[in-house]
Amino acid sequence: MQKHRVIIGWLFEAVAMLLAVFLVFSWKKGFGAGADAHTQYVMEYALLVAVAYCAVGLTLLFDYKHSKWVCLPFSVVMLAYIPMGTLLGGYYLWYFWKFVYKREKR
């Protein structure tokens, strides 16, 4: 199960990096000359989401005590982002329920 925890942690980091690439390529449009407030809001929101996913991925990689419960709402939200988010969210939910079932079995 440790292998799956590390894989999922790196996948959460990959999501954060994809959002960072989006921010880099759209920075001029969002904060350059002639940018509207809505575009700036979307970019600020994407930055906050990228930081949150980076932090969540790090909690899994460093195996913090409550990391499995912290990642649960993030994976549920990711289910709506078809197809990549659905795959990652489903993979984490599978891992989470295996972890809970294994813990109850003891």
PDB file of N, CA and C in Angstrom:
ATOM      1  N   MET A   1       0.820  -1.206   0.000  1.00  0.00           N
ATOM      2  CA  MET A   1       0.000   0.000   0.000  1.00  0.00           C
ATOM      3  C   MET A   1       0.856   1.258   0.000  1.00  0.00           C
ATOM      4  N   GLN A   2       2.097   1.152   0.491  1.00  0.00           N
ATOM      5  CA  GLN A   2       2.970   2.323   0.498  1.00  0.00           C
ATOM      6  C   GLN A   2       3.274   2.777  -0.924  1.00  0.00           C
ATOM      7  N   LYS A   3       3.403   1.815  -1.836  1.00  0.00           N
ATOM      8  CA  LYS A   3       3.701   2.151  -3.225  1.00  0.00           C
ATOM      9  C   LYS A   3       2.581   3.004  -3.818  1.00  0.00           C
ATOM     10  N   HIS A   4       1.318   2.657  -3.531  1.00  0.00           N
ATOM     11  CA  HIS A   4       0.186   3.413  -4.057  1.00  0.00           C
ATOM     12  C   HIS A   4       0.128   4.809  -3.446  1.00  0.00           C
ATOM     13  N   ARG A   5       0.466   4.928  -2.170  1.00  0.00           N
ATOM     14  CA  ARG A   5       0.476   6.239  -1.520  1.00  0.00           C
ATOM     15  C   ARG A   5       1.466   7.173  -2.199  1.00  0.00           C
ATOM     16  N   VAL A   6       2.646   6.656  -2.512  1.00  0.00           N
ATOM     17  CA  VAL A   6       3.678   7.471  -3.158  1.00  0.00           C
ATOM     18  C   VAL A   6       3.263   7.829  -4.586  1.00  0.00           C
ATOM     19  N   ILE A   7       2.699   6.884  -5.312  1.00  0.00           N
ATOM     20  CA  ILE A   7       2.240   7.167  -6.676  1.00  0.00           C
ATOM     21  C   ILE A   7       1.170   8.247  -6.671  1.00  0.00           C
ATOM     22  N   ILE A   8       0.205   8.132  -5.770  1.00  0.00           N
ATOM     23  CA  ILE A   8      -0.867   9.123  -5.710  1.00  0.00           C
ATOM     24  C   ILE A   8      -0.311  10.479  -5.287  1.00  0.00           C
ATOM     25  N   GLY A   9       0.641  10.492  -4.371  1.00  0.00           N
ATOM     26  CA  GLY A   9       1.268  11.754  -3.976  1.00  0.00           C
ATOM     27  C   GLY A   9       1.923  12.449  -5.155  1.00  0.00           C
ATOM     28  N   TRP A  10       2.644  11.683  -5.976  1.00  0.00           N
ATOM     29  CA  TRP A  10       3.275  12.277  -7.158  1.00  0.00           C
ATOM     30  C   TRP A  10       2.238  12.696  -8.196  1.00  0.00           C
ATOM     31  N   LEU A  11       1.125  11.983  -8.279  1.00  0.00           N
ATOM     32  CA  LEU A  11       0.075  12.397  -9.214  1.00  0.00           C
ATOM     33  C   LEU A  11      -0.582  13.701  -8.772  1.00  0.00           C
ATOM     34  N   PHE A  12      -0.768  13.886  -7.473  1.00  0.00           N
ATOM     35  CA  PHE A  12      -1.270  15.172  -6.983  1.00  0.00           C
ATOM     36  C   PHE A  12      -0.274  16.286  -7.297  1.00  0.00           C
ATOM     37  N   GLU A  13       1.014  15.995  -7.171  1.00  0.00           N
ATOM     38  CA  GLU A  13       2.035  16.981  -7.527  1.00  0.00           C
ATOM     39  C   GLU A  13       1.987  17.284  -9.024  1.00  0.00           C
ATOM     40  N   ALA A  14       1.725  16.278  -9.840  1.00  0.00           N
ATOM     41  CA  ALA A  14       1.625  16.486 -11.285  1.00  0.00           C
ATOM     42  C   ALA A  14       0.450  17.401 -11.628  1.00  0.00           C
ATOM     43  N   VAL A  15      -0.664  17.252 -10.922  1.00  0.00           N
ATOM     44  CA  VAL A  15      -1.811  18.139 -11.139  1.00  0.00           C
ATOM     45  C   VAL A  15      -1.419  19.577 -10.803  1.00  0.00           C
ATOM     46  N   ALA A  16      -0.708  19.755  -9.709  1.00  0.00           N
ATOM     47  CA  ALA A  16      -0.249  21.095  -9.340  1.00  0.00           C
ATOM     48  C   ALA A  16       0.688  21.664 -10.400  1.00  0.00           C
ATOM     49  N   MET A  17       1.554  20.833 -10.946  1.00  0.00           N
ATOM     50  CA  MET A  17       2.478  21.304 -11.981  1.00  0.00           C
ATOM     51  C   MET A  17       1.747  21.641 -13.279  1.00  0.00           C
ATOM     52  N   LEU A  18       0.715  20.885 -13.633  1.00  0.00           N
ATOM     53  CA  LEU A  18      -0.079  21.222 -14.814  1.00  0.00           C
ATOM     54  C   LEU A  18      -0.773  22.572 -14.639  1.00  0.00           C
ATOM     55  N   LEU A  19      -1.276  22.830 -13.456  1.00  0.00           N
ATOM     56  CA  LEU A  19      -1.871  24.138 -13.187  1.00  0.00           C
ATOM     57  C   LEU A  19      -0.817  25.240 -13.237  1.00  0.00           C
ATOM     58  N   ALA A  20       0.382  24.954 -12.774  1.00  0.00           N
ATOM     59  CA  ALA A  20       1.460  25.942 -12.832  1.00  0.00           C
ATOM     60  C   ALA A  20       1.831  26.247 -14.281  1.00  0.00           C
ATOM     61  N   VAL A  21       1.857  25.231 -15.132  1.00  0.00           N
ATOM     62  CA  VAL A  21       2.136  25.465 -16.557  1.00  0.00           C
ATOM     63  C   VAL A  21       1.039  26.321 -17.178  1.00  0.00           C
ATOM     64  N   PHE A  22      -0.216  26.049 -16.833  1.00  0.00           N
ATOM     65  CA  PHE A  22      -1.317  26.883 -17.301  1.00  0.00           C
ATOM     66  C   PHE A  22      -1.110  28.330 -16.878  1.00  0.00           C
ATOM     67  N   LEU A  23      -0.719  28.540 -15.632  1.00  0.00           N
ATOM     68  CA  LEU A  23      -0.515  29.899 -15.140  1.00  0.00           C
ATOM     69  C   LEU A  23       0.631  30.601 -15.860  1.00  0.00           C
ATOM     70  N   VAL A  24       1.698  29.889 -16.118  1.00  0.00           N
ATOM     71  CA  VAL A  24       2.846  30.495 -16.797  1.00  0.00           C
ATOM     72  C   VAL A  24       2.471  30.938 -18.206  1.00  0.00           C
ATOM     73  N   PHE A  25       1.763  30.085 -18.933  1.00  0.00           N
ATOM     74  CA  PHE A  25       1.430  30.412 -20.307  1.00  0.00           C
ATOM     75  C   PHE A  25       0.311  31.442 -20.430  1.00  0.00           C
ATOM     76  N   SER A  26      -0.497  31.617 -19.409  1.00  0.00           N
ATOM     77  CA  SER A  26      -1.585  32.589 -19.498  1.00  0.00           C
ATOM     78  C   SER A  26      -1.366  33.811 -18.606  1.00  0.00           C
ATOM     79  N   TRP A  27      -0.177  33.958 -18.057  1.00  0.00           N
ATOM     80  CA  TRP A  27       0.090  35.071 -17.144  1.00  0.00           C
ATOM     81  C   TRP A  27      -0.078  36.419 -17.835  1.00  0.00           C
ATOM     82  N   LYS A  28       0.456  36.562 -19.036  1.00  0.00           N
ATOM     83  CA  LYS A  28       0.390  37.837 -19.747  1.00  0.00           C
ATOM     84  C   LYS A  28      -1.053  38.206 -20.083  1.00  0.00           C
ATOM     85  N   LYS A  29      -1.855  37.207 -20.448  1.00  0.00           N
ATOM     86  CA  LYS A  29      -3.254  37.486 -20.763  1.00  0.00           C
ATOM     87  C   LYS A  29      -4.027  37.901 -19.506  1.00  0.00           C
ATOM     88  N   GLY A  30      -3.707  37.289 -18.381  1.00  0.00           N
ATOM     89  CA  GLY A  30      -4.445  37.573 -17.157  1.00  0.00           C
ATOM     90  C   GLY A  30      -4.032  38.858 -16.460  1.00  0.00           C
ATOM     91  N   PHE A  31      -2.748  39.178 -16.513  1.00  0.00           N
ATOM     92  CA  PHE A  31      -2.278  40.346 -15.767  1.00  0.00           C
ATOM     93  C   PHE A  31      -1.573  41.375 -16.640  1.00  0.00           C
ATOM     94  N   GLY A  32      -1.615  41.196 -17.953  1.00  0.00           N
ATOM     95  CA  GLY A  32      -1.004  42.155 -18.868  1.00  0.00           C
ATOM     96  C   GLY A  32      -1.951  43.309 -19.154  1.00  0.00           C
ATOM     97  N   ALA A  33      -1.592  44.082 -20.153  1.00  0.00           N
ATOM     98  CA  ALA A  33      -2.417  45.221 -20.554  1.00  0.00           C
ATOM     99  C   ALA A  33      -3.737  44.721 -21.140  1.00  0.00           C
ATOM    100  N   GLY A  34      -4.817  45.320 -20.719  1.00  0.00           N
ATOM    101  CA  GLY A  34      -6.132  44.968 -21.239  1.00  0.00           C
ATOM    102  C   GLY A  34      -6.763  43.746 -20.606  1.00  0.00           C
ATOM    103  N   ALA A  35      -6.250  43.290 -19.492  1.00  0.00           N
ATOM    104  CA  ALA A  35      -6.823  42.114 -18.823  1.00  0.00           C
ATOM    105  C   ALA A  35      -8.078  42.509 -18.058  1.00  0.00           C
ATOM    106  N   ASP A  36      -9.078  41.648 -18.102  1.00  0.00           N
ATOM    107  CA  ASP A  36     -10.303  41.929 -17.354  1.00  0.00           C
ATOM    108  C   ASP A  36     -10.263  41.264 -15.981  1.00  0.00           C
ATOM    109  N   ALA A  37     -11.185  41.664 -15.127  1.00  0.00           N
ATOM    110  CA  ALA A  37     -11.195  41.196 -13.739  1.00  0.00           C
ATOM    111  C   ALA A  37     -11.523  39.701 -13.648  1.00  0.00           C
ATOM    112  N   HIS A  38     -12.365  39.213 -14.538  1.00  0.00           N
ATOM    113  CA  HIS A  38     -12.747  37.798 -14.482  1.00  0.00           C
ATOM    114  C   HIS A  38     -11.550  36.886 -14.772  1.00  0.00           C
ATOM    115  N   THR A  39     -10.753  37.258 -15.753  1.00  0.00           N
ATOM    116  CA  THR A  39      -9.571  36.458 -16.077  1.00  0.00           C
ATOM    117  C   THR A  39      -8.587  36.455 -14.927  1.00  0.00           C
ATOM    118  N   GLN A  40      -8.428  37.593 -14.273  1.00  0.00           N
ATOM    119  CA  GLN A  40      -7.538  37.660 -13.114  1.00  0.00           C
ATOM    120  C   GLN A  40      -8.058  36.797 -11.979  1.00  0.00           C
ATOM    121  N   TYR A  41      -9.367  36.793 -11.783  1.00  0.00           N
ATOM    122  CA  TYR A  41      -9.963  35.967 -10.735  1.00  0.00           C
ATOM    123  C   TYR A  41      -9.722  34.483 -11.012  1.00  0.00           C
ATOM    124  N   VAL A  42      -9.895  34.059 -12.271  1.00  0.00           N
ATOM    125  CA  VAL A  42      -9.674  32.663 -12.634  1.00  0.00           C
ATOM    126  C   VAL A  42      -8.219  32.275 -12.388  1.00  0.00           C
ATOM    127  N   MET A  43      -7.296  33.158 -12.719  1.00  0.00           N
ATOM    128  CA  MET A  43      -5.880  32.844 -12.528  1.00  0.00           C
ATOM    129  C   MET A  43      -5.505  32.809 -11.049  1.00  0.00           C
ATOM    130  N   GLU A  44      -6.068  33.703 -10.249  1.00  0.00           N
ATOM    131  CA  GLU A  44      -5.805  33.665  -8.809  1.00  0.00           C
ATOM    132  C   GLU A  44      -6.370  32.381  -8.196  1.00  0.00           C
ATOM    133  N   TYR A  45      -7.556  31.983  -8.646  1.00  0.00           N
ATOM    134  CA  TYR A  45      -8.159  30.746  -8.166  1.00  0.00           C
ATOM    135  C   TYR A  45      -7.299  29.541  -8.562  1.00  0.00           C
ATOM    136  N   ALA A  46      -6.799  29.528  -9.803  1.00  0.00           N
ATOM    137  CA  ALA A  46      -5.946  28.430 -10.264  1.00  0.00           C
ATOM    138  C   ALA A  46      -4.661  28.374  -9.453  1.00  0.00           C
ATOM    139  N   LEU A  47      -4.122  29.525  -9.088  1.00  0.00           N
ATOM    140  CA  LEU A  47      -2.915  29.552  -8.261  1.00  0.00           C
ATOM    141  C   LEU A  47      -3.184  28.960  -6.880  1.00  0.00           C
ATOM    142  N   LEU A  48      -4.299  29.316  -6.273  1.00  0.00           N
ATOM    143  CA  LEU A  48      -4.646  28.765  -4.959  1.00  0.00           C
ATOM    144  C   LEU A  48      -4.877  27.254  -5.030  1.00  0.00           C
ATOM    145  N   VAL A  49      -5.538  26.798  -6.081  1.00  0.00           N
ATOM    146  CA  VAL A  49      -5.786  25.361  -6.242  1.00  0.00           C
ATOM    147  C   VAL A  49      -4.468  24.620  -6.448  1.00  0.00           C
ATOM    148  N   ALA A  50      -3.560  25.201  -7.225  1.00  0.00           N
ATOM    149  CA  ALA A  50      -2.259  24.563  -7.454  1.00  0.00           C
ATOM    150  C   ALA A  50      -1.476  24.444  -6.153  1.00  0.00           C
ATOM    151  N   VAL A  51      -1.496  25.479  -5.337  1.00  0.00           N
ATOM    152  CA  VAL A  51      -0.801  25.424  -4.046  1.00  0.00           C
ATOM    153  C   VAL A  51      -1.439  24.375  -3.140  1.00  0.00           C
ATOM    154  N   ALA A  52      -2.774  24.304  -3.155  1.00  0.00           N
ATOM    155  CA  ALA A  52      -3.466  23.315  -2.317  1.00  0.00           C
ATOM    156  C   ALA A  52      -3.124  21.889  -2.751  1.00  0.00           C
ATOM    157  N   TYR A  53      -3.135  21.623  -4.053  1.00  0.00           N
ATOM    158  CA  TYR A  53      -2.801  20.278  -4.523  1.00  0.00           C
ATOM    159  C   TYR A  53      -1.336  19.943  -4.272  1.00  0.00           C
ATOM    160  N   CYS A  54      -0.478  20.932  -4.345  1.00  0.00           N
ATOM    161  CA  CYS A  54       0.935  20.696  -4.024  1.00  0.00           C
ATOM    162  C   CYS A  54       1.076  20.309  -2.549  1.00  0.00           C
ATOM    163  N   ALA A  55       0.384  21.025  -1.681  1.00  0.00           N
ATOM    164  CA  ALA A  55       0.446  20.721  -0.250  1.00  0.00           C
ATOM    165  C   ALA A  55      -0.138  19.346   0.051  1.00  0.00           C
ATOM    166  N   VAL A  56      -1.248  19.011  -0.593  1.00  0.00           N
ATOM    167  CA  VAL A  56      -1.883  17.706  -0.371  1.00  0.00           C
ATOM    168  C   VAL A  56      -0.972  16.580  -0.851  1.00  0.00           C
ATOM    169  N   GLY A  57      -0.342  16.764  -2.005  1.00  0.00           N
ATOM    170  CA  GLY A  57       0.583  15.753  -2.510  1.00  0.00           C
ATOM    171  C   GLY A  57       1.768  15.557  -1.579  1.00  0.00           C
ATOM    172  N   LEU A  58       2.260  16.650  -1.012  1.00  0.00           N
ATOM    173  CA  LEU A  58       3.382  16.545  -0.081  1.00  0.00           C
ATOM    174  C   LEU A  58       2.990  15.821   1.203  1.00  0.00           C
ATOM    175  N   THR A  59       1.754  16.023   1.659  1.00  0.00           N
ATOM    176  CA  THR A  59       1.335  15.297   2.866  1.00  0.00           C
ATOM    177  C   THR A  59       1.327  13.793   2.620  1.00  0.00           C
ATOM    178  N   LEU A  60       0.932  13.384   1.412  1.00  0.00           N
ATOM    179  CA  LEU A  60       0.976  11.956   1.095  1.00  0.00           C
ATOM    180  C   LEU A  60       2.410  11.456   0.962  1.00  0.00           C
ATOM    181  N   LEU A  61       3.254  12.228   0.291  1.00  0.00           N
ATOM    182  CA  LEU A  61       4.638  11.795   0.097  1.00  0.00           C
ATOM    183  C   LEU A  61       5.396  11.696   1.419  1.00  0.00           C
ATOM    184  N   PHE A  62       5.141  12.627   2.336  1.00  0.00           N
ATOM    185  CA  PHE A  62       5.821  12.605   3.625  1.00  0.00           C
ATOM    186  C   PHE A  62       5.100  11.745   4.654  1.00  0.00           C
ATOM    187  N   ASP A  63       3.953  11.181   4.280  1.00  0.00           N
ATOM    188  CA  ASP A  63       3.176  10.262   5.107  1.00  0.00           C
ATOM    189  C   ASP A  63       2.810  10.867   6.466  1.00  0.00           C
ATOM    190  N   TYR A  64       2.190  12.051   6.407  1.00  0.00           N
ATOM    191  CA  TYR A  64       1.697  12.649   7.642  1.00  0.00           C
ATOM    192  C   TYR A  64       0.560  11.814   8.217  1.00  0.00           C
ATOM    193  N   LYS A  65       0.317  11.997   9.500  1.00  0.00           N
ATOM    194  CA  LYS A  65      -0.622  11.140  10.215  1.00  0.00           C
ATOM    195  C   LYS A  65      -2.032  11.167   9.616  1.00  0.00           C
ATOM    196  N   HIS A  66      -2.547  12.342   9.311  1.00  0.00           N
ATOM    197  CA  HIS A  66      -3.923  12.469   8.825  1.00  0.00           C
ATOM    198  C   HIS A  66      -3.992  12.763   7.327  1.00  0.00           C
ATOM    199  N   SER A  67      -2.945  12.425   6.597  1.00  0.00           N
ATOM    200  CA  SER A  67      -2.917  12.770   5.173  1.00  0.00           C
ATOM    201  C   SER A  67      -4.010  12.058   4.386  1.00  0.00           C
ATOM    202  N   LYS A  68      -4.372  10.863   4.791  1.00  0.00           N
ATOM    203  CA  LYS A  68      -5.397  10.129   4.049  1.00  0.00           C
ATOM    204  C   LYS A  68      -6.754  10.800   4.159  1.00  0.00           C
ATOM    205  N   TRP A  69      -7.032  11.409   5.293  1.00  0.00           N
ATOM    206  CA  TRP A  69      -8.300  12.114   5.464  1.00  0.00           C
ATOM    207  C   TRP A  69      -8.265  13.504   4.844  1.00  0.00           C
ATOM    208  N   VAL A  70      -7.102  14.127   4.800  1.00  0.00           N
ATOM    209  CA  VAL A  70      -6.975  15.447   4.190  1.00  0.00           C
ATOM    210  C   VAL A  70      -7.182  15.359   2.685  1.00  0.00           C
ATOM    211  N   CYS A  71      -6.699  14.308   2.065  1.00  0.00           N
ATOM    212  CA  CYS A  71      -6.774  14.145   0.608  1.00  0.00           C
ATOM    213  C   CYS A  71      -8.155  13.721   0.126  1.00  0.00           C
ATOM    214  N   LEU A  72      -8.977  13.212   1.006  1.00  0.00           N
ATOM    215  CA  LEU A  72     -10.288  12.706   0.603  1.00  0.00           C
ATOM    216  C   LEU A  72     -11.166  13.764  -0.071  1.00  0.00           C
ATOM    217  N   PRO A  73     -11.353  14.963   0.496  1.00  0.00           N
ATOM    218  CA  PRO A  73     -12.202  15.939  -0.201  1.00  0.00           C
ATOM    219  C   PRO A  73     -11.614  16.394  -1.532  1.00  0.00           C
ATOM    220  N   PHE A  74     -10.300  16.471  -1.626  1.00  0.00           N
ATOM    221  CA  PHE A  74      -9.673  16.872  -2.881  1.00  0.00           C
ATOM    222  C   PHE A  74      -9.926  15.837  -3.968  1.00  0.00           C
ATOM    223  N   SER A  75      -9.869  14.573  -3.608  1.00  0.00           N
ATOM    224  CA  SER A  75     -10.095  13.531  -4.611  1.00  0.00           C
ATOM    225  C   SER A  75     -11.560  13.474  -5.027  1.00  0.00           C
ATOM    226  N   VAL A  76     -12.475  13.755  -4.109  1.00  0.00           N
ATOM    227  CA  VAL A  76     -13.893  13.771  -4.459  1.00  0.00           C
ATOM    228  C   VAL A  76     -14.180  14.914  -5.430  1.00  0.00           C
ATOM    229  N   VAL A  77     -13.576  16.071  -5.204  1.00  0.00           N
ATOM    230  CA  VAL A  77     -13.753  17.209  -6.108  1.00  0.00           C
ATOM    231  C   VAL A  77     -13.160  16.890  -7.477  1.00  0.00           C
ATOM    232  N   MET A  78     -12.049  16.176  -7.498  1.00  0.00           N
ATOM    233  CA  MET A  78     -11.388  15.849  -8.771  1.00  0.00           C
ATOM    234  C   MET A  78     -12.223  14.918  -9.636  1.00  0.00           C
ATOM    235  N   LEU A  79     -13.170  14.204  -9.066  1.00  0.00           N
ATOM    236  CA  LEU A  79     -13.994  13.298  -9.854  1.00  0.00           C
ATOM    237  C   LEU A  79     -14.747  14.037 -10.957  1.00  0.00           C
ATOM    238  N   ALA A  80     -15.014  15.317 -10.778  1.00  0.00           N
ATOM    239  CA  ALA A  80     -15.759  16.097 -11.768  1.00  0.00           C
ATOM    240  C   ALA A  80     -14.915  16.482 -12.973  1.00  0.00           C
ATOM    241  N   TYR A  81     -13.595  16.433 -12.860  1.00  0.00           N
ATOM    242  CA  TYR A  81     -12.715  16.847 -13.948  1.00  0.00           C
ATOM    243  C   TYR A  81     -12.397  15.651 -14.840  1.00  0.00           C
ATOM    244  N   ILE A  82     -13.291  15.422 -15.795  1.00  0.00           N
ATOM    245  CA  ILE A  82     -13.202  14.269 -16.688  1.00  0.00           C
ATOM    246  C   ILE A  82     -12.120  14.536 -17.725  1.00  0.00           C
ATOM    247  N   PRO A  83     -11.313  13.615 -18.105  1.00  0.00           N
ATOM    248  CA  PRO A  83     -11.108  12.240 -17.695  1.00  0.00           C
ATOM    249  C   PRO A  83      -9.993  12.079 -16.662  1.00  0.00           C
ATOM    250  N   MET A  84      -9.006  13.004 -16.666  1.00  0.00           N
ATOM    251  CA  MET A  84      -7.835  12.841 -15.800  1.00  0.00           C
ATOM    252  C   MET A  84      -8.209  12.897 -14.323  1.00  0.00           C
ATOM    253  N   GLY A  85      -9.022  13.854 -13.949  1.00  0.00           N
ATOM    254  CA  GLY A  85      -9.416  13.984 -12.557  1.00  0.00           C
ATOM    255  C   GLY A  85     -10.241  12.812 -12.079  1.00  0.00           C
ATOM    256  N   THR A  86     -11.066  12.278 -12.969  1.00  0.00           N
ATOM    257  CA  THR A  86     -11.871  11.118 -12.605  1.00  0.00           C
ATOM    258  C   THR A  86     -10.979   9.913 -12.327  1.00  0.00           C
ATOM    259  N   LEU A  87      -9.962   9.738 -13.153  1.00  0.00           N
ATOM    260  CA  LEU A  87      -9.041   8.627 -12.932  1.00  0.00           C
ATOM    261  C   LEU A  87      -8.257   8.793 -11.632  1.00  0.00           C
ATOM    262  N   LEU A  88      -7.724   9.990 -11.403  1.00  0.00           N
ATOM    263  CA  LEU A  88      -6.945  10.220 -10.184  1.00  0.00           C
ATOM    264  C   LEU A  88      -7.831  10.160  -8.941  1.00  0.00           C
ATOM    265  N   GLY A  89      -9.008  10.775  -9.012  1.00  0.00           N
ATOM    266  CA  GLY A  89      -9.930  10.725  -7.875  1.00  0.00           C
ATOM    267  C   GLY A  89     -10.383   9.313  -7.567  1.00  0.00           C
ATOM    268  N   GLY A  90     -10.690   8.542  -8.604  1.00  0.00           N
ATOM    269  CA  GLY A  90     -11.092   7.152  -8.410  1.00  0.00           C
ATOM    270  C   GLY A  90      -9.964   6.302  -7.851  1.00  0.00           C
ATOM    271  N   TYR A  91      -8.753   6.544  -8.330  1.00  0.00           N
ATOM    272  CA  TYR A  91      -7.584   5.813  -7.821  1.00  0.00           C
ATOM    273  C   TYR A  91      -7.374   6.117  -6.335  1.00  0.00           C
ATOM    274  N   TYR A  92      -7.505   7.401  -5.957  1.00  0.00           N
ATOM    275  CA  TYR A  92      -7.330   7.730  -4.544  1.00  0.00           C
ATOM    276  C   TYR A  92      -8.450   7.129  -3.700  1.00  0.00           C
ATOM    277  N   LEU A  93      -9.683   7.183  -4.189  1.00  0.00           N
ATOM    278  CA  LEU A  93     -10.786   6.605  -3.412  1.00  0.00           C
ATOM    279  C   LEU A  93     -10.606   5.109  -3.239  1.00  0.00           C
ATOM    280  N   TRP A  94     -10.123   4.420  -4.288  1.00  0.00           N
ATOM    281  CA  TRP A  94      -9.818   2.990  -4.146  1.00  0.00           C
ATOM    282  C   TRP A  94      -8.767   2.777  -3.061  1.00  0.00           C
ATOM    283  N   TYR A  95      -7.707   3.571  -3.093  1.00  0.00           N
ATOM    284  CA  TYR A  95      -6.639   3.466  -2.092  1.00  0.00           C
ATOM    285  C   TYR A  95      -7.183   3.765  -0.697  1.00  0.00           C
ATOM    286  N   PHE A  96      -8.001   4.812  -0.588  1.00  0.00           N
ATOM    287  CA  PHE A  96      -8.543   5.210   0.708  1.00  0.00           C
ATOM    288  C   PHE A  96      -9.405   4.101   1.300  1.00  0.00           C
ATOM    289  N   TRP A  97     -10.292   3.500   0.504  1.00  0.00           N
ATOM    290  CA  TRP A  97     -11.159   2.463   1.037  1.00  0.00           C
ATOM    291  C   TRP A  97     -10.380   1.197   1.356  1.00  0.00           C
ATOM    292  N   LYS A  98      -9.326   0.894   0.608  1.00  0.00           N
ATOM    293  CA  LYS A  98      -8.450  -0.226   0.965  1.00  0.00           C
ATOM    294  C   LYS A  98      -7.788   0.029   2.306  1.00  0.00           C
ATOM    295  N   PHE A  99      -7.355   1.273   2.528  1.00  0.00           N
ATOM    296  CA  PHE A  99      -6.715   1.652   3.781  1.00  0.00           C
ATOM    297  C   PHE A  99      -7.697   1.535   4.938  1.00  0.00           C
ATOM    298  N   VAL A 100      -8.920   2.039   4.777  1.00  0.00           N
ATOM    299  CA  VAL A 100      -9.913   1.987   5.847  1.00  0.00           C
ATOM    300  C   VAL A 100     -10.300   0.541   6.134  1.00  0.00           C
ATOM    301  N   TYR A 101     -10.487  -0.249   5.079  1.00  0.00           N
ATOM    302  CA  TYR A 101     -10.866  -1.648   5.279  1.00  0.00           C
ATOM    303  C   TYR A 101      -9.745  -2.421   5.965  1.00  0.00           C
ATOM    304  N   LYS A 102      -8.514  -2.145   5.597  1.00  0.00           N
ATOM    305  CA  LYS A 102      -7.384  -2.818   6.205  1.00  0.00           C
ATOM    306  C   LYS A 102      -7.263  -2.438   7.686  1.00  0.00           C
ATOM    307  N   ARG A 103      -7.568  -1.172   7.990  1.00  0.00           N
ATOM    308  CA  ARG A 103      -7.495  -0.697   9.372  1.00  0.00           C
ATOM    309  C   ARG A 103      -8.596  -1.305  10.228  1.00  0.00           C
ATOM    310  N   GLU A 104      -9.809  -1.453   9.661  1.00  0.00           N
ATOM    311  CA  GLU A 104     -10.913  -2.049  10.424  1.00  0.00           C
ATOM    312  C   GLU A 104     -10.717  -3.543  10.632  1.00  0.00           C
ATOM    313  N   LYS A 105      -9.982  -4.164   9.740  1.00  0.00           N
ATOM    314  CA  LYS A 105      -9.755  -5.598   9.813  1.00  0.00           C
ATOM    315  C   LYS A 105      -8.877  -5.980  11.002  1.00  0.00           C
ATOM    316  N   ARG A 106      -8.034  -5.086  11.439  1.00  0.00           N
ATOM    317  CA  ARG A 106      -7.125  -5.373  12.571  1.00  0.00           C
ATOM    318  C   ARG A 106      -7.837  -5.580  13.843  1.00  0.00           C
TER     319      ARG A 106
END
